[in-house]
Each structure stands twice: as C-alpha cells, then as structure tokens.
PDB file of N, CA and C in Angstrom:
ATOM      1  N   UNK A   1     -70.218  43.350 -20.778  1.00  0.00           N
ATOM      2  CA  UNK A   1     -69.590  43.095 -19.662  1.00  0.00           C
ATOM      3  C   UNK A   1     -69.321  44.495 -19.149  1.00  0.00           C
ATOM      4  N   UNK A   2     -69.927  44.726 -17.956  1.00  0.00           N
ATOM      5  CA  UNK A   2     -69.781  46.095 -17.144  1.00  0.00           C
ATOM      6  C   UNK A   2     -68.947  46.006 -16.015  1.00  0.00           C
ATOM      7  N   UNK A   3     -68.170  47.104 -15.573  1.00  0.00           N
ATOM      8  CA  UNK A   3     -67.531  46.902 -14.388  1.00  0.00           C
ATOM      9  C   UNK A   3     -67.706  48.123 -13.545  1.00  0.00           C
ATOM     10  N   UNK A   4     -67.645  47.779 -12.076  1.00  0.00           N
ATOM     11  CA  UNK A   4     -68.063  48.844 -11.296  1.00  0.00           C
ATOM     12  C   UNK A   4     -67.486  48.736  -9.832  1.00  0.00           C
ATOM     13  N   UNK A   5     -66.819  50.101  -9.376  1.00  0.00           N
ATOM     14  CA  UNK A   5     -66.109  49.881  -8.287  1.00  0.00           C
ATOM     15  C   UNK A   5     -66.443  50.867  -7.490  1.00  0.00           C
ATOM     16  N   UNK A   6     -66.992  50.686  -6.043  1.00  0.00           N
ATOM     17  CA  UNK A   6     -67.325  51.764  -5.376  1.00  0.00           C
ATOM     18  C   UNK A   6     -66.898  51.342  -3.693  1.00  0.00           C
ATOM     19  N   UNK A   7     -66.712  52.533  -2.598  1.00  0.00           N
ATOM     20  CA  UNK A   7     -66.462  51.999  -1.453  1.00  0.00           C
ATOM     21  C   UNK A   7     -67.577  52.316  -0.764  1.00  0.00           C
ATOM     22  N   UNK A   8     -68.661  52.453  -1.485  1.00  0.00           N
ATOM     23  CA  UNK A   8     -70.093  52.890  -0.867  1.00  0.00           C
ATOM     24  C   UNK A   8     -71.115  51.883  -0.938  1.00  0.00           C
ATOM     25  N   UNK A   9     -71.682  51.484   0.082  1.00  0.00           N
ATOM     26  CA  UNK A   9     -72.443  50.126   0.051  1.00  0.00           C
ATOM     27  C   UNK A   9     -73.681  50.674  -0.686  1.00  0.00           C
ATOM     28  N   UNK A  10     -74.457  51.938  -0.225  1.00  0.00           N
ATOM     29  CA  UNK A  10     -75.496  51.942  -1.362  1.00  0.00           C
ATOM     30  C   UNK A  10     -75.229  52.275  -2.803  1.00  0.00           C
ATOM     31  N   UNK A  11     -74.228  52.679  -2.973  1.00  0.00           N
ATOM     32  CA  UNK A  11     -73.836  52.777  -4.491  1.00  0.00           C
ATOM     33  C   UNK A  11     -74.044  51.400  -5.073  1.00  0.00           C
ATOM     34  N   UNK A  12     -73.097  50.310  -4.325  1.00  0.00           N
ATOM     35  CA  UNK A  12     -73.091  48.972  -4.771  1.00  0.00           C
ATOM     36  C   UNK A  12     -74.301  48.405  -4.903  1.00  0.00           C
ATOM     37  N   UNK A  13     -75.523  48.720  -3.950  1.00  0.00           N
ATOM     38  CA  UNK A  13     -76.601  48.149  -4.102  1.00  0.00           C
ATOM     39  C   UNK A  13     -77.428  48.654  -5.169  1.00  0.00           C
ATOM     40  N   UNK A  14     -77.543  50.331  -5.660  1.00  0.00           N
ATOM     41  CA  UNK A  14     -78.123  50.802  -6.539  1.00  0.00           C
ATOM     42  C   UNK A  14     -77.406  49.932  -8.042  1.00  0.00           C
ATOM     43  N   UNK A  15     -76.249  50.107  -8.087  1.00  0.00           N
ATOM     44  CA  UNK A  15     -76.025  49.179  -9.362  1.00  0.00           C
ATOM     45  C   UNK A  15     -76.286  47.667  -9.280  1.00  0.00           C
ATOM     46  N   UNK A  16     -76.576  46.915  -8.403  1.00  0.00           N
ATOM     47  CA  UNK A  16     -77.085  45.613  -8.316  1.00  0.00           C
ATOM     48  C   UNK A  16     -78.224  45.815  -8.898  1.00  0.00           C
ATOM     49  N   UNK A  17     -79.272  46.702  -8.174  1.00  0.00           N
ATOM     50  CA  UNK A  17     -80.699  46.406  -8.667  1.00  0.00           C
ATOM     51  C   UNK A  17     -80.822  47.080 -10.174  1.00  0.00           C
ATOM     52  N   UNK A  18     -80.001  48.256 -10.324  1.00  0.00           N
ATOM     53  CA  UNK A  18     -80.097  48.894 -11.967  1.00  0.00           C
ATOM     54  C   UNK A  18     -79.704  47.840 -12.844  1.00  0.00           C
ATOM     55  N   UNK A  19     -78.574  47.178 -12.788  1.00  0.00           N
ATOM     56  CA  UNK A  19     -78.047  46.248 -13.698  1.00  0.00           C
ATOM     57  C   UNK A  19     -78.761  44.722 -13.986  1.00  0.00           C
ATOM     58  N   UNK A  20     -79.672  44.460 -12.779  1.00  0.00           N
ATOM     59  CA  UNK A  20     -80.648  43.390 -13.134  1.00  0.00           C
ATOM     60  C   UNK A  20     -81.353  43.147 -14.079  1.00  0.00           C
ATOM     61  N   UNK A  21     -81.682  44.079 -15.014  1.00  0.00           N
ATOM     62  CA  UNK A  21     -82.414  44.338 -16.326  1.00  0.00           C
ATOM     63  C   UNK A  21     -81.493  43.838 -17.420  1.00  0.00           C
ATOM     64  N   UNK A  22     -80.180  43.757 -17.512  1.00  0.00           N
ATOM     65  CA  UNK A  22     -79.836  43.465 -18.736  1.00  0.00           C
ATOM     66  C   UNK A  22     -78.832  42.015 -18.535  1.00  0.00           C
ATOM     67  N   UNK A  23     -78.250  42.223 -17.173  1.00  0.00           N
ATOM     68  CA  UNK A  23     -77.278  41.255 -16.723  1.00  0.00           C
ATOM     69  C   UNK A  23     -77.445  39.873 -16.706  1.00  0.00           C
ATOM     70  N   UNK A  24     -76.870  38.853 -17.014  1.00  0.00           N
ATOM     71  CA  UNK A  24     -77.023  37.712 -17.054  1.00  0.00           C
ATOM     72  C   UNK A  24     -76.444  36.911 -15.593  1.00  0.00           C
ATOM     73  N   UNK A  25     -75.674  37.502 -15.094  1.00  0.00           N
ATOM     74  CA  UNK A  25     -74.846  37.168 -14.004  1.00  0.00           C
ATOM     75  C   UNK A  25     -73.917  38.187 -13.300  1.00  0.00           C
ATOM     76  N   UNK A  26     -73.506  38.108 -12.103  1.00  0.00           N
ATOM     77  CA  UNK A  26     -72.836  38.720 -11.272  1.00  0.00           C
ATOM     78  C   UNK A  26     -71.621  38.193 -10.480  1.00  0.00           C
ATOM     79  N   UNK A  27     -70.223  38.857 -10.772  1.00  0.00           N
ATOM     80  CA  UNK A  27     -69.074  38.576 -10.033  1.00  0.00           C
ATOM     81  C   UNK A  27     -68.830  39.730  -9.031  1.00  0.00           C
ATOM     82  N   UNK A  28     -69.270  39.685  -7.732  1.00  0.00           N
ATOM     83  CA  UNK A  28     -69.012  40.567  -6.726  1.00  0.00           C
ATOM     84  C   UNK A  28     -67.465  40.535  -5.999  1.00  0.00           C
ATOM     85  N   UNK A  29     -66.792  41.455  -5.651  1.00  0.00           N
ATOM     86  CA  UNK A  29     -66.015  41.503  -4.444  1.00  0.00           C
ATOM     87  C   UNK A  29     -66.323  42.429  -3.674  1.00  0.00           C
ATOM     88  N   UNK A  30     -66.780  42.168  -2.465  1.00  0.00           N
ATOM     89  CA  UNK A  30     -67.503  43.151  -1.586  1.00  0.00           C
ATOM     90  C   UNK A  30     -66.380  43.857  -0.638  1.00  0.00           C
ATOM     91  N   UNK A  31     -65.277  43.260  -0.624  1.00  0.00           N
ATOM     92  CA  UNK A  31     -64.207  43.742  -0.032  1.00  0.00           C
ATOM     93  C   UNK A  31     -64.386  43.817   1.677  1.00  0.00           C
ATOM     94  N   UNK A  32     -64.340  44.575   2.448  1.00  0.00           N
ATOM     95  CA  UNK A  32     -64.518  44.680   3.941  1.00  0.00           C
ATOM     96  C   UNK A  32     -66.376  44.286   3.929  1.00  0.00           C
ATOM     97  N   UNK A  33     -67.019  44.774   3.337  1.00  0.00           N
ATOM     98  CA  UNK A  33     -68.338  44.760   3.362  1.00  0.00           C
ATOM     99  C   UNK A  33     -68.984  43.241   3.391  1.00  0.00           C
ATOM    100  N   UNK A  34     -67.984  42.372   3.002  1.00  0.00           N
ATOM    101  CA  UNK A  34     -68.252  40.969   2.860  1.00  0.00           C
ATOM    102  C   UNK A  34     -68.629  40.295   4.264  1.00  0.00           C
ATOM    103  N   UNK A  35     -68.092  40.973   5.382  1.00  0.00           N
ATOM    104  CA  UNK A  35     -68.311  40.380   6.692  1.00  0.00           C
ATOM    105  C   UNK A  35     -69.500  41.044   7.554  1.00  0.00           C
ATOM    106  N   UNK A  36     -70.152  42.140   6.835  1.00  0.00           N
ATOM    107  CA  UNK A  36     -71.441  42.541   7.626  1.00  0.00           C
ATOM    108  C   UNK A  36     -72.337  43.461   6.827  1.00  0.00           C
ATOM    109  N   UNK A  37     -72.324  43.289   5.531  1.00  0.00           N
ATOM    110  CA  UNK A  37     -73.304  44.196   4.763  1.00  0.00           C
ATOM    111  C   UNK A  37     -74.594  42.981   4.443  1.00  0.00           C
ATOM    112  N   UNK A  38     -75.482  43.175   5.357  1.00  0.00           N
ATOM    113  CA  UNK A  38     -76.654  42.149   4.766  1.00  0.00           C
ATOM    114  C   UNK A  38     -77.415  43.030   3.863  1.00  0.00           C
ATOM    115  N   UNK A  39     -77.416  44.149   3.706  1.00  0.00           N
ATOM    116  CA  UNK A  39     -77.880  45.304   2.942  1.00  0.00           C
ATOM    117  C   UNK A  39     -77.312  44.596   1.348  1.00  0.00           C
ATOM    118  N   UNK A  40     -76.217  44.305   1.241  1.00  0.00           N
ATOM    119  CA  UNK A  40     -75.619  43.874   0.018  1.00  0.00           C
ATOM    120  C   UNK A  40     -76.247  42.702  -0.213  1.00  0.00           C
ATOM    121  N   UNK A  41     -75.950  41.612   0.745  1.00  0.00           N
ATOM    122  CA  UNK A  41     -76.398  40.162   0.762  1.00  0.00           C
ATOM    123  C   UNK A  41     -78.070  40.139   0.386  1.00  0.00           C
ATOM    124  N   UNK A  42     -78.933  41.129   0.976  1.00  0.00           N
ATOM    125  CA  UNK A  42     -80.512  41.284   0.355  1.00  0.00           C
ATOM    126  C   UNK A  42     -80.518  41.631  -1.171  1.00  0.00           C
ATOM    127  N   UNK A  43     -79.792  42.516  -1.344  1.00  0.00           N
ATOM    128  CA  UNK A  43     -79.768  43.141  -2.842  1.00  0.00           C
ATOM    129  C   UNK A  43     -79.321  42.004  -3.801  1.00  0.00           C
ATOM    130  N   UNK A  44     -78.062  41.145  -3.446  1.00  0.00           N
ATOM    131  CA  UNK A  44     -78.031  40.004  -4.356  1.00  0.00           C
ATOM    132  C   UNK A  44     -78.844  38.978  -4.523  1.00  0.00           C
ATOM    133  N   UNK A  45     -79.605  38.818  -3.107  1.00  0.00           N
ATOM    134  CA  UNK A  45     -80.658  37.564  -3.143  1.00  0.00           C
ATOM    135  C   UNK A  45     -81.719  38.192  -3.935  1.00  0.00           C
ATOM    136  N   UNK A  46     -82.231  39.079  -3.828  1.00  0.00           N
ATOM    137  CA  UNK A  46     -83.450  39.943  -4.560  1.00  0.00           C
ATOM    138  C   UNK A  46     -83.370  39.916  -5.998  1.00  0.00           C
ATOM    139  N   UNK A  47     -82.193  40.264  -6.798  1.00  0.00           N
ATOM    140  CA  UNK A  47     -82.262  40.445  -8.061  1.00  0.00           C
ATOM    141  C   UNK A  47     -82.245  39.186  -8.961  1.00  0.00           C
ATOM    142  N   UNK A  48     -82.090  37.837  -7.928  1.00  0.00           N
ATOM    143  CA  UNK A  48     -82.299  36.684  -8.651  1.00  0.00           C
ATOM    144  C   UNK A  48     -81.280  36.431  -9.971  1.00  0.00           C
ATOM    145  N   UNK A  49     -80.062  36.954 -10.026  1.00  0.00           N
ATOM    146  CA  UNK A  49     -78.848  36.856 -10.842  1.00  0.00           C
ATOM    147  C   UNK A  49     -78.165  35.802 -10.436  1.00  0.00           C
ATOM    148  N   UNK A  50     -77.533  34.702 -11.197  1.00  0.00           N
ATOM    149  CA  UNK A  50     -76.554  33.820 -10.530  1.00  0.00           C
ATOM    150  C   UNK A  50     -75.210  34.978 -10.077  1.00  0.00           C
ATOM    151  N   UNK A  51     -74.582  34.861  -8.837  1.00  0.00           N
ATOM    152  CA  UNK A  51     -73.787  35.675  -8.501  1.00  0.00           C
ATOM    153  C   UNK A  51     -72.725  35.020  -7.903  1.00  0.00           C
ATOM    154  N   UNK A  52     -71.571  35.148  -8.138  1.00  0.00           N
ATOM    155  CA  UNK A  52     -69.942  34.623  -7.391  1.00  0.00           C
ATOM    156  C   UNK A  52     -69.516  35.465  -6.826  1.00  0.00           C
ATOM    157  N   UNK A  53     -69.060  35.159  -5.711  1.00  0.00           N
ATOM    158  CA  UNK A  53     -68.451  36.401  -4.576  1.00  0.00           C
ATOM    159  C   UNK A  53     -66.868  35.799  -4.972  1.00  0.00           C
ATOM    160  N   UNK A  54     -65.962  36.868  -5.184  1.00  0.00           N
ATOM    161  CA  UNK A  54     -64.727  36.753  -5.586  1.00  0.00           C
ATOM    162  C   UNK A  54     -63.782  37.503  -4.555  1.00  0.00           C
ATOM    163  N   UNK A  55     -62.651  36.957  -4.135  1.00  0.00           N
ATOM    164  CA  UNK A  55     -61.816  37.613  -3.395  1.00  0.00           C
ATOM    165  C   UNK A  55     -60.531  37.269  -3.799  1.00  0.00           C
ATOM    166  N   UNK A  56     -59.374  38.003  -3.658  1.00  0.00           N
ATOM    167  CA  UNK A  56     -58.167  38.080  -4.218  1.00  0.00           C
ATOM    168  C   UNK A  56     -57.314  37.079  -3.026  1.00  0.00           C
ATOM    169  N   UNK A  57     -57.646  37.418  -1.883  1.00  0.00           N
ATOM    170  CA  UNK A  57     -56.853  36.773  -0.578  1.00  0.00           C
ATOM    171  C   UNK A  57     -57.761  35.652  -0.353  1.00  0.00           C
ATOM    172  N   UNK A  58     -57.345  34.825   0.580  1.00  0.00           N
ATOM    173  CA  UNK A  58     -58.315  33.369   0.753  1.00  0.00           C
ATOM    174  C   UNK A  58     -58.883  33.877   2.397  1.00  0.00           C
ATOM    175  N   UNK A  59     -59.792  34.494   2.302  1.00  0.00           N
ATOM    176  CA  UNK A  59     -60.509  34.970   3.469  1.00  0.00           C
ATOM    177  C   UNK A  59     -60.560  34.006   4.511  1.00  0.00           C
ATOM    178  N   UNK A  60     -60.598  32.667   4.116  1.00  0.00           N
ATOM    179  CA  UNK A  60     -60.816  31.537   5.187  1.00  0.00           C
ATOM    180  C   UNK A  60     -59.320  31.156   6.292  1.00  0.00           C
ATOM    181  N   UNK A  61     -58.205  31.922   5.643  1.00  0.00           N
ATOM    182  CA  UNK A  61     -56.953  31.887   6.244  1.00  0.00           C
ATOM    183  C   UNK A  61     -56.641  33.187   6.597  1.00  0.00           C
ATOM    184  N   UNK A  62     -57.290  34.263   7.143  1.00  0.00           N
ATOM    185  CA  UNK A  62     -57.139  35.418   7.680  1.00  0.00           C
ATOM    186  C   UNK A  62     -57.639  35.629   8.895  1.00  0.00           C
ATOM    187  N   UNK A  63     -57.708  36.871   9.495  1.00  0.00           N
ATOM    188  CA  UNK A  63     -58.077  37.000  10.831  1.00  0.00           C
ATOM    189  C   UNK A  63     -59.558  36.465  10.990  1.00  0.00           C
ATOM    190  N   UNK A  64     -59.666  35.992  12.365  1.00  0.00           N
ATOM    191  CA  UNK A  64     -61.196  35.083  12.683  1.00  0.00           C
ATOM    192  C   UNK A  64     -62.120  36.000  11.988  1.00  0.00           C
ATOM    193  N   UNK A  65     -62.196  37.022  12.284  1.00  0.00           N
ATOM    194  CA  UNK A  65     -63.502  38.285  11.979  1.00  0.00           C
ATOM    195  C   UNK A  65     -63.638  38.024  10.133  1.00  0.00           C
ATOM    196  N   UNK A  66     -62.788  38.025   9.510  1.00  0.00           N
ATOM    197  CA  UNK A  66     -62.814  38.085   8.116  1.00  0.00           C
ATOM    198  C   UNK A  66     -63.253  36.851   7.599  1.00  0.00           C
ATOM    199  N   UNK A  67     -63.286  35.708   8.305  1.00  0.00           N
ATOM    200  CA  UNK A  67     -63.319  34.351   7.856  1.00  0.00           C
ATOM    201  C   UNK A  67     -64.964  34.170   7.307  1.00  0.00           C
ATOM    202  N   UNK A  68     -65.831  34.844   7.880  1.00  0.00           N
ATOM    203  CA  UNK A  68     -67.281  34.532   7.711  1.00  0.00           C
ATOM    204  C   UNK A  68     -67.853  35.700   6.672  1.00  0.00           C
ATOM    205  N   UNK A  69     -68.380  35.353   5.663  1.00  0.00           N
ATOM    206  CA  UNK A  69     -68.998  36.124   4.528  1.00  0.00           C
ATOM    207  C   UNK A  69     -70.400  35.834   4.506  1.00  0.00           C
ATOM    208  N   UNK A  70     -71.122  37.274   5.192  1.00  0.00           N
ATOM    209  CA  UNK A  70     -72.777  37.116   5.123  1.00  0.00           C
ATOM    210  C   UNK A  70     -73.409  37.183   3.650  1.00  0.00           C
ATOM    211  N   UNK A  71     -72.650  37.584   2.670  1.00  0.00           N
ATOM    212  CA  UNK A  71     -72.863  37.500   1.512  1.00  0.00           C
ATOM    213  C   UNK A  71     -72.969  36.126   0.842  1.00  0.00           C
ATOM    214  N   UNK A  72     -72.080  35.362   1.127  1.00  0.00           N
ATOM    215  CA  UNK A  72     -71.928  34.059   0.286  1.00  0.00           C
ATOM    216  C   UNK A  72     -73.060  33.054   0.340  1.00  0.00           C
ATOM    217  N   UNK A  73     -74.075  32.946   1.321  1.00  0.00           N
ATOM    218  CA  UNK A  73     -75.155  32.362   1.324  1.00  0.00           C
ATOM    219  C   UNK A  73     -76.356  32.885   0.216  1.00  0.00           C
ATOM    220  N   UNK A  74     -76.140  33.907  -0.501  1.00  0.00           N
ATOM    221  CA  UNK A  74     -76.888  34.729  -1.446  1.00  0.00           C
ATOM    222  C   UNK A  74     -76.299  34.314  -2.953  1.00  0.00           C
ATOM    223  N   UNK A  75     -75.088  33.577  -2.888  1.00  0.00           N
ATOM    224  CA  UNK A  75     -74.267  33.391  -4.140  1.00  0.00           C
ATOM    225  C   UNK A  75     -74.335  31.811  -4.622  1.00  0.00           C
ATOM    226  N   UNK A  76     -73.994  31.788  -5.767  1.00  0.00           N
ATOM    227  CA  UNK A  76     -73.783  30.247  -6.143  1.00  0.00           C
ATOM    228  C   UNK A  76     -72.546  29.995  -5.757  1.00  0.00           C
ATOM    229  N   UNK A  77     -71.814  30.780  -5.809  1.00  0.00           N
ATOM    230  CA  UNK A  77     -70.110  30.001  -5.347  1.00  0.00           C
ATOM    231  C   UNK A  77     -69.539  31.317  -4.824  1.00  0.00           C
ATOM    232  N   UNK A  78     -68.273  30.864  -4.312  1.00  0.00           N
ATOM    233  CA  UNK A  78     -67.314  31.679  -3.799  1.00  0.00           C
ATOM    234  C   UNK A  78     -66.010  31.339  -4.089  1.00  0.00           C
ATOM    235  N   UNK A  79     -65.192  32.449  -4.583  1.00  0.00           N
ATOM    236  CA  UNK A  79     -63.877  31.784  -4.791  1.00  0.00           C
ATOM    237  C   UNK A  79     -63.104  32.813  -4.096  1.00  0.00           C
ATOM    238  N   UNK A  80     -61.783  32.365  -3.475  1.00  0.00           N
ATOM    239  CA  UNK A  80     -60.817  32.916  -3.077  1.00  0.00           C
ATOM    240  C   UNK A  80     -59.301  32.352  -2.780  1.00  0.00           C
ATOM    241  N   UNK A  81     -58.706  33.385  -2.818  1.00  0.00           N
ATOM    242  CA  UNK A  81     -57.134  32.930  -2.505  1.00  0.00           C
ATOM    243  C   UNK A  81     -56.528  32.757  -4.020  1.00  0.00           C
ATOM    244  N   UNK A  82     -56.888  33.247  -5.028  1.00  0.00           N
ATOM    245  CA  UNK A  82     -56.142  32.834  -6.087  1.00  0.00           C
ATOM    246  C   UNK A  82     -56.002  34.337  -6.748  1.00  0.00           C
ATOM    247  N   UNK A  83     -55.554  35.326  -6.060  1.00  0.00           N
ATOM    248  CA  UNK A  83     -55.260  36.610  -6.837  1.00  0.00           C
ATOM    249  C   UNK A  83     -56.186  37.144  -7.848  1.00  0.00           C
ATOM    250  N   UNK A  84     -55.604  37.632  -8.742  1.00  0.00           N
ATOM    251  CA  UNK A  84     -56.425  38.069  -9.702  1.00  0.00           C
ATOM    252  C   UNK A  84     -57.378  37.116 -10.506  1.00  0.00           C
ATOM    253  N   UNK A  85     -56.690  35.891 -10.425  1.00  0.00           N
ATOM    254  CA  UNK A  85     -57.479  35.037 -11.230  1.00  0.00           C
ATOM    255  C   UNK A  85     -58.661  34.590 -10.556  1.00  0.00           C
ATOM    256  N   UNK A  86     -58.758  35.026  -9.237  1.00  0.00           N
ATOM    257  CA  UNK A  86     -60.150  34.766  -8.744  1.00  0.00           C
ATOM    258  C   UNK A  86     -61.340  35.362  -9.360  1.00  0.00           C
ATOM    259  N   UNK A  87     -61.093  36.468 -10.328  1.00  0.00           N
ATOM    260  CA  UNK A  87     -62.205  36.836 -10.788  1.00  0.00           C
ATOM    261  C   UNK A  87     -62.364  36.111 -12.506  1.00  0.00           C
ATOM    262  N   UNK A  88     -61.187  35.567 -12.833  1.00  0.00           N
ATOM    263  CA  UNK A  88     -61.442  34.669 -14.078  1.00  0.00           C
ATOM    264  C   UNK A  88     -62.237  33.292 -13.523  1.00  0.00           C
ATOM    265  N   UNK A  89     -61.842  32.796 -12.678  1.00  0.00           N
ATOM    266  CA  UNK A  89     -62.345  31.347 -12.134  1.00  0.00           C
ATOM    267  C   UNK A  89     -63.860  31.961 -11.997  1.00  0.00           C
ATOM    268  N   UNK A  90     -64.002  32.997 -11.267  1.00  0.00           N
ATOM    269  CA  UNK A  90     -65.697  33.377 -10.985  1.00  0.00           C
ATOM    270  C   UNK A  90     -66.413  33.406 -12.350  1.00  0.00           C
ATOM    271  N   UNK A  91     -65.842  34.022 -13.435  1.00  0.00           N
ATOM    272  CA  UNK A  91     -66.574  33.948 -14.536  1.00  0.00           C
ATOM    273  C   UNK A  91     -66.627  32.477 -15.439  1.00  0.00           C
ATOM    274  N   UNK A  92     -65.443  31.851 -15.108  1.00  0.00           N
ATOM    275  CA  UNK A  92     -65.836  30.415 -15.591  1.00  0.00           C
ATOM    276  C   UNK A  92     -66.888  29.640 -14.957  1.00  0.00           C
ATOM    277  N   UNK A  93     -67.289  30.111 -13.333  1.00  0.00           N
ATOM    278  CA  UNK A  93     -68.247  29.302 -13.170  1.00  0.00           C
ATOM    279  C   UNK A  93     -69.526  29.969 -13.433  1.00  0.00           C
ATOM    280  N   UNK A  94     -69.491  31.291 -13.563  1.00  0.00           N
ATOM    281  CA  UNK A  94     -71.018  31.673 -14.301  1.00  0.00           C
ATOM    282  C   UNK A  94     -71.223  31.322 -15.533  1.00  0.00           C
ATOM    283  N   UNK A  95     -70.307  30.965 -16.466  1.00  0.00           N
ATOM    284  CA  UNK A  95     -70.673  30.231 -17.577  1.00  0.00           C
ATOM    285  C   UNK A  95     -70.990  28.996 -17.379  1.00  0.00           C
ATOM    286  N   UNK A  96     -70.199  27.997 -16.376  1.00  0.00           N
ATOM    287  CA  UNK A  96     -70.654  26.721 -16.126  1.00  0.00           C
ATOM    288  C   UNK A  96     -72.366  26.812 -15.752  1.00  0.00           C
ATOM    289  N   UNK A  97     -72.648  27.792 -14.885  1.00  0.00           N
ATOM    290  CA  UNK A  97     -73.930  27.615 -14.275  1.00  0.00           C
ATOM    291  C   UNK A  97     -75.049  28.011 -15.437  1.00  0.00           C
ATOM    292  N   UNK A  98     -74.529  28.799 -16.552  1.00  0.00           N
ATOM    293  CA  UNK A  98     -75.292  29.105 -17.828  1.00  0.00           C
ATOM    294  C   UNK A  98     -75.396  27.921 -18.541  1.00  0.00           C
ATOM    295  N   UNK A  99     -74.642  26.762 -18.714  1.00  0.00           N
ATOM    296  CA  UNK A  99     -74.279  25.732 -19.468  1.00  0.00           C
ATOM    297  C   UNK A  99     -75.165  24.602 -18.591  1.00  0.00           C
ATOM    298  N   UNK A 100     -75.580  24.889 -17.306  1.00  0.00           N
ATOM    299  CA  UNK A 100     -76.288  23.842 -16.409  1.00  0.00           C
ATOM    300  C   UNK A 100     -75.319  22.868 -15.755  1.00  0.00           C
ATOM    301  N   UNK A 101     -74.022  23.302 -15.628  1.00  0.00           N
ATOM    302  CA  UNK A 101     -73.124  22.222 -15.035  1.00  0.00           C
ATOM    303  C   UNK A 101     -72.884  22.448 -13.692  1.00  0.00           C
ATOM    304  N   UNK A 102     -72.880  21.319 -13.052  1.00  0.00           N
ATOM    305  CA  UNK A 102     -72.876  21.503 -11.253  1.00  0.00           C
ATOM    306  C   UNK A 102     -71.499  21.359 -10.780  1.00  0.00           C
ATOM    307  N   UNK A 103     -71.263  22.496  -9.993  1.00  0.00           N
ATOM    308  CA  UNK A 103     -69.746  22.699  -9.122  1.00  0.00           C
ATOM    309  C   UNK A 103     -70.025  22.767  -7.828  1.00  0.00           C
ATOM    310  N   UNK A 104     -68.911  22.726  -6.955  1.00  0.00           N
ATOM    311  CA  UNK A 104     -68.806  22.750  -5.606  1.00  0.00           C
ATOM    312  C   UNK A 104     -69.049  24.519  -5.583  1.00  0.00           C
ATOM    313  N   UNK A 105     -70.065  24.752  -4.247  1.00  0.00           N
ATOM    314  CA  UNK A 105     -70.569  26.072  -4.117  1.00  0.00           C
ATOM    315  C   UNK A 105     -69.285  27.099  -3.713  1.00  0.00           C
ATOM    316  N   UNK A 106     -68.314  26.548  -3.316  1.00  0.00           N
ATOM    317  CA  UNK A 106     -67.096  27.145  -2.809  1.00  0.00           C
ATOM    318  C   UNK A 106     -65.738  26.749  -3.515  1.00  0.00           C
ATOM    319  N   UNK A 107     -65.240  27.797  -4.459  1.00  0.00           N
ATOM    320  CA  UNK A 107     -64.230  27.036  -5.215  1.00  0.00           C
ATOM    321  C   UNK A 107     -62.795  27.764  -4.489  1.00  0.00           C
ATOM    322  N   UNK A 108     -61.866  27.095  -4.088  1.00  0.00           N
ATOM    323  CA  UNK A 108     -60.793  27.637  -3.726  1.00  0.00           C
ATOM    324  C   UNK A 108     -59.615  27.320  -4.350  1.00  0.00           C
TER     325      UNK A 108
END
C-alpha cells in the first residue's frame, strides 16, 4: 500500500500512470479537482485499475458546483460524507471488487 498527496494535477496523473504497474486498485480523493479535471478522469480511465473516488464530506449536499464529479464515471464507486471512514469504505469496496461481489456504484 502506498499513499500520495499533491495539490498539482500533473503530479497526481504521473503517480496514477506510474503506479499502475504494481497496484491492484486505487482510492482517490481528488479534492477540488473532482469537479473539473478531465485530465485526472482520463488518467483513471486509462490505467484500467478499479478505482474508488472518496470524499470526507458529502459532495452531493454542498454547493451546486461541487455536486458533479467528472471523475466518478471512470470509477467503480464513489464514497462521500463519511469523514475519514470514507477511505475505509473505499478500501472495503476495492476488496469486494477483487472478490467479485457486486455493490452499488455510489456508496453514501
């Protein structure tokens, strides 16, 4: 398991592309990039690893412009509004995917 944090879109894309060689899944919290980074969305789609988008707050109950994720369609699920537990639920979702279990795409 590896962790990476950056405020730079290109650095996030580089890590996604570089880590695809060993990773079996990705949990990503793209922060504000959630709402406009088609570059990160394309990187997630291109690496072809199960990816879960995770957010501490419930983005669906925030300002109107924060309710849409351009990255979610490239992910197997989205978890939001569970505080730090969002990350744990996202990891559980990846494990379920590895076991072939079917879950709802958006876990809230």
